[in-house]
Amino acid sequence: MARRQAVSRLLVLEARGELRTEHARLMASGAGVSLRTVWRWLAAAREESRTGARAQERFTITPEVHARLARWCGNAAAVHRELLAEAGAVTGSEGDVACEVEGVPSLATLHRAVRGI
C-alpha cells in the first residue's frame, strides 16, 4: 500500500515538473530500497500503468491433479512423473528430466502447492 501511494505522489510531482532526485531518494530511504529501485517503480508506473508489484502467477492444484494425488495416495513425485510422461518429457538414464516441460510444474512447485491444500 505504501509503495502505491508513494509512487502515485511521485508521479504527481513528475507531472507538475517538480520531481527531483531528492524526492526519489527520500522514498527509497523510507521504503528500504535502493534509489535505482524507485526509478524502476516509476518507469513501471509510466509504461505499464501499475504502481504496485507485478502479479505473480501461481500454480494451483486443479481437480485433475487432485484426483491424481488421491490415486497416488498423496505421492507428489508419482504425480509429477505421470504428468511428465504424458507431456512426453525426455528423461535421462537415471529418470531425471533433462529439460523443463511446458505446462508441467517442477516437482518443488507441485510440493509447495500440495502443502497449501
N, C-alpha and C. Protein backbone atom coordinates (compact mmCIF):
# COMPACT_ATOMS: atom_id res chain seq x y z
N MET A 1 0.82 -1.18 0.00
CA MET A 1 0.00 0.00 0.00
C MET A 1 0.87 1.26 0.00
N ALA A 2 1.89 1.27 0.82
CA ALA A 2 2.76 2.45 0.92
C ALA A 2 3.47 2.70 -0.41
N ARG A 3 3.87 1.62 -1.09
CA ARG A 3 4.54 1.79 -2.38
C ARG A 3 3.60 2.45 -3.37
N ARG A 4 2.36 1.99 -3.42
CA ARG A 4 1.39 2.55 -4.36
C ARG A 4 1.18 4.04 -4.12
N GLN A 5 1.02 4.42 -2.87
CA GLN A 5 0.80 5.82 -2.54
C GLN A 5 2.01 6.67 -2.87
N ALA A 6 3.19 6.18 -2.52
CA ALA A 6 4.41 6.94 -2.75
C ALA A 6 4.67 7.12 -4.25
N VAL A 7 4.49 6.05 -5.02
CA VAL A 7 4.70 6.14 -6.47
C VAL A 7 3.69 7.10 -7.07
N SER A 8 2.45 7.03 -6.62
CA SER A 8 1.42 7.94 -7.13
C SER A 8 1.80 9.39 -6.86
N ARG A 9 2.31 9.67 -5.67
CA ARG A 9 2.70 11.04 -5.32
C ARG A 9 3.90 11.50 -6.14
N LEU A 10 4.85 10.59 -6.38
CA LEU A 10 5.99 10.96 -7.21
C LEU A 10 5.55 11.24 -8.65
N LEU A 11 4.56 10.49 -9.12
CA LEU A 11 4.05 10.73 -10.47
C LEU A 11 3.37 12.10 -10.57
N VAL A 12 2.69 12.50 -9.51
CA VAL A 12 2.07 13.83 -9.48
C VAL A 12 3.15 14.90 -9.54
N LEU A 13 4.19 14.73 -8.75
CA LEU A 13 5.31 15.67 -8.79
C LEU A 13 5.92 15.73 -10.19
N GLU A 14 6.07 14.56 -10.80
CA GLU A 14 6.65 14.49 -12.15
C GLU A 14 5.77 15.22 -13.15
N ALA A 15 4.46 15.02 -13.05
CA ALA A 15 3.53 15.67 -13.97
C ALA A 15 3.60 17.20 -13.84
N ARG A 16 3.86 17.69 -12.65
CA ARG A 16 3.96 19.14 -12.42
C ARG A 16 5.37 19.66 -12.73
N GLY A 17 6.28 18.74 -13.06
CA GLY A 17 7.65 19.14 -13.36
C GLY A 17 8.47 19.44 -12.12
N GLU A 18 8.04 18.94 -10.97
CA GLU A 18 8.71 19.23 -9.71
C GLU A 18 9.48 18.04 -9.13
N LEU A 19 9.50 16.92 -9.83
CA LEU A 19 10.16 15.73 -9.31
C LEU A 19 11.67 15.92 -9.34
N ARG A 20 12.31 15.67 -8.20
CA ARG A 20 13.75 15.78 -8.07
C ARG A 20 14.30 14.48 -7.50
N THR A 21 15.56 14.27 -7.69
CA THR A 21 16.22 13.08 -7.17
C THR A 21 16.06 12.98 -5.66
N GLU A 22 16.03 14.10 -5.00
CA GLU A 22 15.87 14.09 -3.54
C GLU A 22 14.54 13.44 -3.13
N HIS A 23 13.50 13.68 -3.93
CA HIS A 23 12.20 13.07 -3.63
C HIS A 23 12.30 11.55 -3.74
N ALA A 24 12.92 11.09 -4.81
CA ALA A 24 13.07 9.64 -5.02
C ALA A 24 13.99 9.05 -3.95
N ARG A 25 15.03 9.78 -3.58
CA ARG A 25 15.96 9.30 -2.55
C ARG A 25 15.24 9.16 -1.20
N LEU A 26 14.38 10.12 -0.88
CA LEU A 26 13.61 10.07 0.36
C LEU A 26 12.66 8.87 0.36
N MET A 27 12.03 8.62 -0.78
CA MET A 27 11.14 7.45 -0.89
C MET A 27 11.93 6.16 -0.73
N ALA A 28 13.09 6.09 -1.37
CA ALA A 28 13.93 4.89 -1.27
C ALA A 28 14.33 4.63 0.17
N SER A 29 14.70 5.67 0.86
CA SER A 29 15.10 5.54 2.26
C SER A 29 13.93 5.05 3.11
N GLY A 30 12.76 5.62 2.89
CA GLY A 30 11.59 5.23 3.66
C GLY A 30 11.12 3.82 3.37
N ALA A 31 11.29 3.38 2.12
CA ALA A 31 10.84 2.05 1.72
C ALA A 31 11.91 0.98 1.95
N GLY A 32 13.13 1.41 2.25
CA GLY A 32 14.22 0.44 2.47
C GLY A 32 14.71 -0.20 1.19
N VAL A 33 14.65 0.55 0.09
CA VAL A 33 15.11 0.04 -1.20
C VAL A 33 16.14 1.01 -1.77
N SER A 34 16.75 0.62 -2.87
CA SER A 34 17.75 1.49 -3.49
C SER A 34 17.06 2.58 -4.33
N LEU A 35 17.80 3.61 -4.60
CA LEU A 35 17.30 4.69 -5.45
C LEU A 35 16.95 4.15 -6.83
N ARG A 36 17.76 3.24 -7.34
CA ARG A 36 17.51 2.64 -8.65
C ARG A 36 16.16 1.92 -8.67
N THR A 37 15.82 1.27 -7.57
CA THR A 37 14.54 0.57 -7.49
C THR A 37 13.38 1.56 -7.61
N VAL A 38 13.50 2.70 -6.96
CA VAL A 38 12.45 3.71 -7.05
C VAL A 38 12.30 4.18 -8.48
N TRP A 39 13.41 4.39 -9.20
CA TRP A 39 13.32 4.80 -10.60
C TRP A 39 12.66 3.71 -11.44
N ARG A 40 12.95 2.45 -11.12
CA ARG A 40 12.29 1.34 -11.86
C ARG A 40 10.80 1.33 -11.59
N TRP A 41 10.42 1.57 -10.32
CA TRP A 41 9.00 1.63 -9.98
C TRP A 41 8.30 2.74 -10.76
N LEU A 42 8.94 3.88 -10.87
CA LEU A 42 8.36 4.99 -11.62
C LEU A 42 8.25 4.65 -13.10
N ALA A 43 9.26 4.00 -13.64
CA ALA A 43 9.21 3.60 -15.04
C ALA A 43 8.07 2.60 -15.28
N ALA A 44 7.88 1.67 -14.36
CA ALA A 44 6.79 0.70 -14.48
C ALA A 44 5.44 1.41 -14.40
N ALA A 45 5.34 2.43 -13.56
CA ALA A 45 4.09 3.17 -13.44
C ALA A 45 3.79 3.92 -14.73
N ARG A 46 4.81 4.47 -15.35
CA ARG A 46 4.62 5.19 -16.61
C ARG A 46 4.29 4.24 -17.76
N GLU A 47 5.06 3.18 -17.88
CA GLU A 47 4.97 2.29 -19.05
C GLU A 47 3.85 1.26 -18.94
N GLU A 48 3.62 0.75 -17.74
CA GLU A 48 2.65 -0.34 -17.56
C GLU A 48 1.42 0.09 -16.76
N SER A 49 1.38 1.32 -16.35
CA SER A 49 0.26 1.86 -15.55
C SER A 49 0.00 1.05 -14.30
N ARG A 50 1.07 0.64 -13.63
CA ARG A 50 0.91 -0.08 -12.36
C ARG A 50 1.82 0.56 -11.32
N THR A 51 1.27 0.75 -10.14
CA THR A 51 2.05 1.35 -9.06
C THR A 51 2.47 0.32 -8.03
N GLY A 52 1.92 -0.89 -8.12
CA GLY A 52 2.26 -1.95 -7.18
C GLY A 52 3.15 -2.98 -7.82
N ALA A 53 3.40 -4.02 -7.06
CA ALA A 53 4.22 -5.12 -7.56
C ALA A 53 3.48 -5.87 -8.67
N ARG A 54 4.23 -6.48 -9.54
CA ARG A 54 3.65 -7.27 -10.62
C ARG A 54 2.98 -8.51 -10.02
N ALA A 55 1.81 -8.84 -10.52
CA ALA A 55 1.08 -10.01 -10.02
C ALA A 55 1.82 -11.28 -10.43
N GLN A 56 1.98 -12.18 -9.48
CA GLN A 56 2.68 -13.43 -9.73
C GLN A 56 1.68 -14.52 -10.08
N GLU A 57 1.96 -15.23 -11.16
CA GLU A 57 1.13 -16.37 -11.49
C GLU A 57 1.59 -17.55 -10.64
N ARG A 58 0.65 -18.20 -10.02
CA ARG A 58 0.98 -19.30 -9.14
C ARG A 58 0.32 -20.57 -9.65
N PHE A 59 1.01 -21.66 -9.47
CA PHE A 59 0.44 -22.95 -9.82
C PHE A 59 -0.56 -23.33 -8.73
N THR A 60 -1.71 -23.79 -9.15
CA THR A 60 -2.71 -24.26 -8.20
C THR A 60 -3.11 -25.68 -8.56
N ILE A 61 -3.52 -26.41 -7.56
CA ILE A 61 -3.95 -27.79 -7.77
C ILE A 61 -5.31 -27.79 -8.45
N THR A 62 -5.36 -28.37 -9.63
CA THR A 62 -6.61 -28.49 -10.36
C THR A 62 -7.34 -29.75 -9.89
N PRO A 63 -8.63 -29.87 -10.19
CA PRO A 63 -9.34 -31.10 -9.82
C PRO A 63 -8.68 -32.35 -10.41
N GLU A 64 -8.13 -32.23 -11.62
CA GLU A 64 -7.45 -33.37 -12.24
C GLU A 64 -6.21 -33.79 -11.44
N VAL A 65 -5.40 -32.81 -11.06
CA VAL A 65 -4.20 -33.11 -10.27
C VAL A 65 -4.60 -33.63 -8.90
N HIS A 66 -5.66 -33.08 -8.34
CA HIS A 66 -6.14 -33.55 -7.04
C HIS A 66 -6.55 -35.02 -7.12
N ALA A 67 -7.23 -35.39 -8.20
CA ALA A 67 -7.63 -36.79 -8.39
C ALA A 67 -6.40 -37.69 -8.52
N ARG A 68 -5.39 -37.20 -9.23
CA ARG A 68 -4.15 -37.99 -9.36
C ARG A 68 -3.47 -38.16 -8.01
N LEU A 69 -3.46 -37.09 -7.21
CA LEU A 69 -2.87 -37.19 -5.88
C LEU A 69 -3.62 -38.21 -5.04
N ALA A 70 -4.93 -38.23 -5.15
CA ALA A 70 -5.72 -39.21 -4.40
C ALA A 70 -5.39 -40.62 -4.87
N ARG A 71 -5.27 -40.78 -6.20
CA ARG A 71 -4.96 -42.11 -6.75
C ARG A 71 -3.58 -42.59 -6.30
N TRP A 72 -2.64 -41.66 -6.16
CA TRP A 72 -1.28 -42.00 -5.75
C TRP A 72 -1.08 -41.81 -4.24
N CYS A 73 -2.15 -41.73 -3.49
CA CYS A 73 -2.11 -41.61 -2.02
C CYS A 73 -1.25 -40.43 -1.56
N GLY A 74 -1.35 -39.31 -2.28
CA GLY A 74 -0.63 -38.11 -1.90
C GLY A 74 0.82 -38.05 -2.35
N ASN A 75 1.26 -39.00 -3.17
CA ASN A 75 2.64 -39.05 -3.62
C ASN A 75 2.84 -38.05 -4.77
N ALA A 76 3.34 -36.87 -4.43
CA ALA A 76 3.52 -35.81 -5.43
C ALA A 76 4.56 -36.21 -6.48
N ALA A 77 5.58 -36.93 -6.10
CA ALA A 77 6.61 -37.34 -7.06
C ALA A 77 6.02 -38.27 -8.12
N ALA A 78 5.13 -39.16 -7.72
CA ALA A 78 4.49 -40.06 -8.68
C ALA A 78 3.59 -39.28 -9.63
N VAL A 79 2.86 -38.31 -9.10
CA VAL A 79 2.02 -37.47 -9.94
C VAL A 79 2.88 -36.69 -10.92
N HIS A 80 4.01 -36.17 -10.43
CA HIS A 80 4.92 -35.41 -11.29
C HIS A 80 5.45 -36.29 -12.42
N ARG A 81 5.86 -37.51 -12.11
CA ARG A 81 6.34 -38.43 -13.15
C ARG A 81 5.25 -38.71 -14.17
N GLU A 82 4.04 -38.88 -13.69
CA GLU A 82 2.91 -39.16 -14.59
C GLU A 82 2.66 -37.97 -15.52
N LEU A 83 2.69 -36.77 -14.98
CA LEU A 83 2.49 -35.57 -15.80
C LEU A 83 3.59 -35.42 -16.84
N LEU A 84 4.83 -35.71 -16.43
CA LEU A 84 5.95 -35.63 -17.38
C LEU A 84 5.81 -36.67 -18.48
N ALA A 85 5.40 -37.86 -18.12
CA ALA A 85 5.24 -38.92 -19.12
C ALA A 85 4.17 -38.53 -20.13
N GLU A 86 3.08 -37.96 -19.66
CA GLU A 86 2.02 -37.54 -20.57
C GLU A 86 2.47 -36.40 -21.48
N ALA A 87 3.35 -35.54 -20.96
CA ALA A 87 3.83 -34.41 -21.75
C ALA A 87 4.94 -34.83 -22.71
N GLY A 88 5.40 -36.08 -22.60
CA GLY A 88 6.45 -36.57 -23.49
C GLY A 88 7.82 -36.04 -23.14
N ALA A 89 8.09 -35.91 -21.86
CA ALA A 89 9.37 -35.38 -21.41
C ALA A 89 10.50 -36.33 -21.76
N VAL A 90 11.64 -35.76 -22.10
CA VAL A 90 12.85 -36.53 -22.36
C VAL A 90 13.52 -36.79 -21.02
N THR A 91 13.80 -38.05 -20.73
CA THR A 91 14.44 -38.38 -19.46
C THR A 91 15.81 -38.97 -19.70
N GLY A 92 16.65 -38.79 -18.70
CA GLY A 92 18.00 -39.36 -18.76
C GLY A 92 17.99 -40.79 -18.29
N SER A 93 19.18 -41.38 -18.16
CA SER A 93 19.29 -42.78 -17.76
C SER A 93 18.82 -43.00 -16.33
N GLU A 94 18.91 -41.98 -15.49
CA GLU A 94 18.51 -42.10 -14.09
C GLU A 94 17.05 -41.73 -13.88
N GLY A 95 16.36 -41.35 -14.96
CA GLY A 95 14.98 -40.94 -14.83
C GLY A 95 14.83 -39.46 -14.53
N ASP A 96 15.96 -38.73 -14.47
CA ASP A 96 15.89 -37.29 -14.23
C ASP A 96 15.44 -36.60 -15.51
N VAL A 97 14.65 -35.56 -15.34
CA VAL A 97 14.19 -34.82 -16.50
C VAL A 97 15.33 -33.99 -17.04
N ALA A 98 15.59 -34.14 -18.33
CA ALA A 98 16.71 -33.45 -18.95
C ALA A 98 16.37 -32.00 -19.29
N CYS A 99 15.09 -31.71 -19.40
CA CYS A 99 14.68 -30.34 -19.73
C CYS A 99 13.35 -30.04 -19.07
N GLU A 100 13.04 -28.76 -18.95
CA GLU A 100 11.75 -28.39 -18.40
C GLU A 100 10.69 -28.61 -19.47
N VAL A 101 9.53 -29.01 -19.03
CA VAL A 101 8.44 -29.29 -19.94
C VAL A 101 7.36 -28.25 -19.74
N GLU A 102 6.95 -27.64 -20.82
CA GLU A 102 5.93 -26.60 -20.75
C GLU A 102 4.61 -27.17 -20.24
N GLY A 103 4.03 -26.49 -19.30
CA GLY A 103 2.74 -26.92 -18.76
C GLY A 103 2.84 -27.86 -17.59
N VAL A 104 4.03 -28.36 -17.30
CA VAL A 104 4.22 -29.27 -16.17
C VAL A 104 5.04 -28.53 -15.11
N PRO A 105 4.49 -28.38 -13.91
CA PRO A 105 5.23 -27.67 -12.87
C PRO A 105 6.43 -28.50 -12.42
N SER A 106 7.40 -27.84 -11.83
CA SER A 106 8.52 -28.57 -11.27
C SER A 106 8.02 -29.36 -10.06
N LEU A 107 8.80 -30.34 -9.66
CA LEU A 107 8.41 -31.14 -8.50
C LEU A 107 8.33 -30.27 -7.25
N ALA A 108 9.25 -29.33 -7.10
CA ALA A 108 9.23 -28.43 -5.94
C ALA A 108 7.96 -27.58 -5.94
N THR A 109 7.56 -27.09 -7.11
CA THR A 109 6.33 -26.30 -7.20
C THR A 109 5.12 -27.15 -6.86
N LEU A 110 5.10 -28.37 -7.33
CA LEU A 110 3.99 -29.28 -7.02
C LEU A 110 3.94 -29.55 -5.51
N HIS A 111 5.09 -29.75 -4.90
CA HIS A 111 5.13 -29.97 -3.44
C HIS A 111 4.59 -28.76 -2.68
N ARG A 112 4.99 -27.55 -3.10
CA ARG A 112 4.50 -26.34 -2.44
C ARG A 112 2.99 -26.22 -2.57
N ALA A 113 2.47 -26.52 -3.74
CA ALA A 113 1.02 -26.44 -3.96
C ALA A 113 0.29 -27.48 -3.12
N VAL A 114 0.85 -28.67 -2.98
CA VAL A 114 0.22 -29.72 -2.19
C VAL A 114 0.21 -29.32 -0.71
N ARG A 115 1.30 -28.72 -0.24
CA ARG A 115 1.35 -28.27 1.16
C ARG A 115 0.32 -27.19 1.42
N GLY A 116 -0.05 -26.45 0.39
CA GLY A 116 -1.01 -25.36 0.53
C GLY A 116 -2.46 -25.80 0.49
N ILE A 117 -2.71 -27.08 0.24
CA ILE A 117 -4.09 -27.57 0.15
C ILE A 117 -4.74 -27.50 1.51
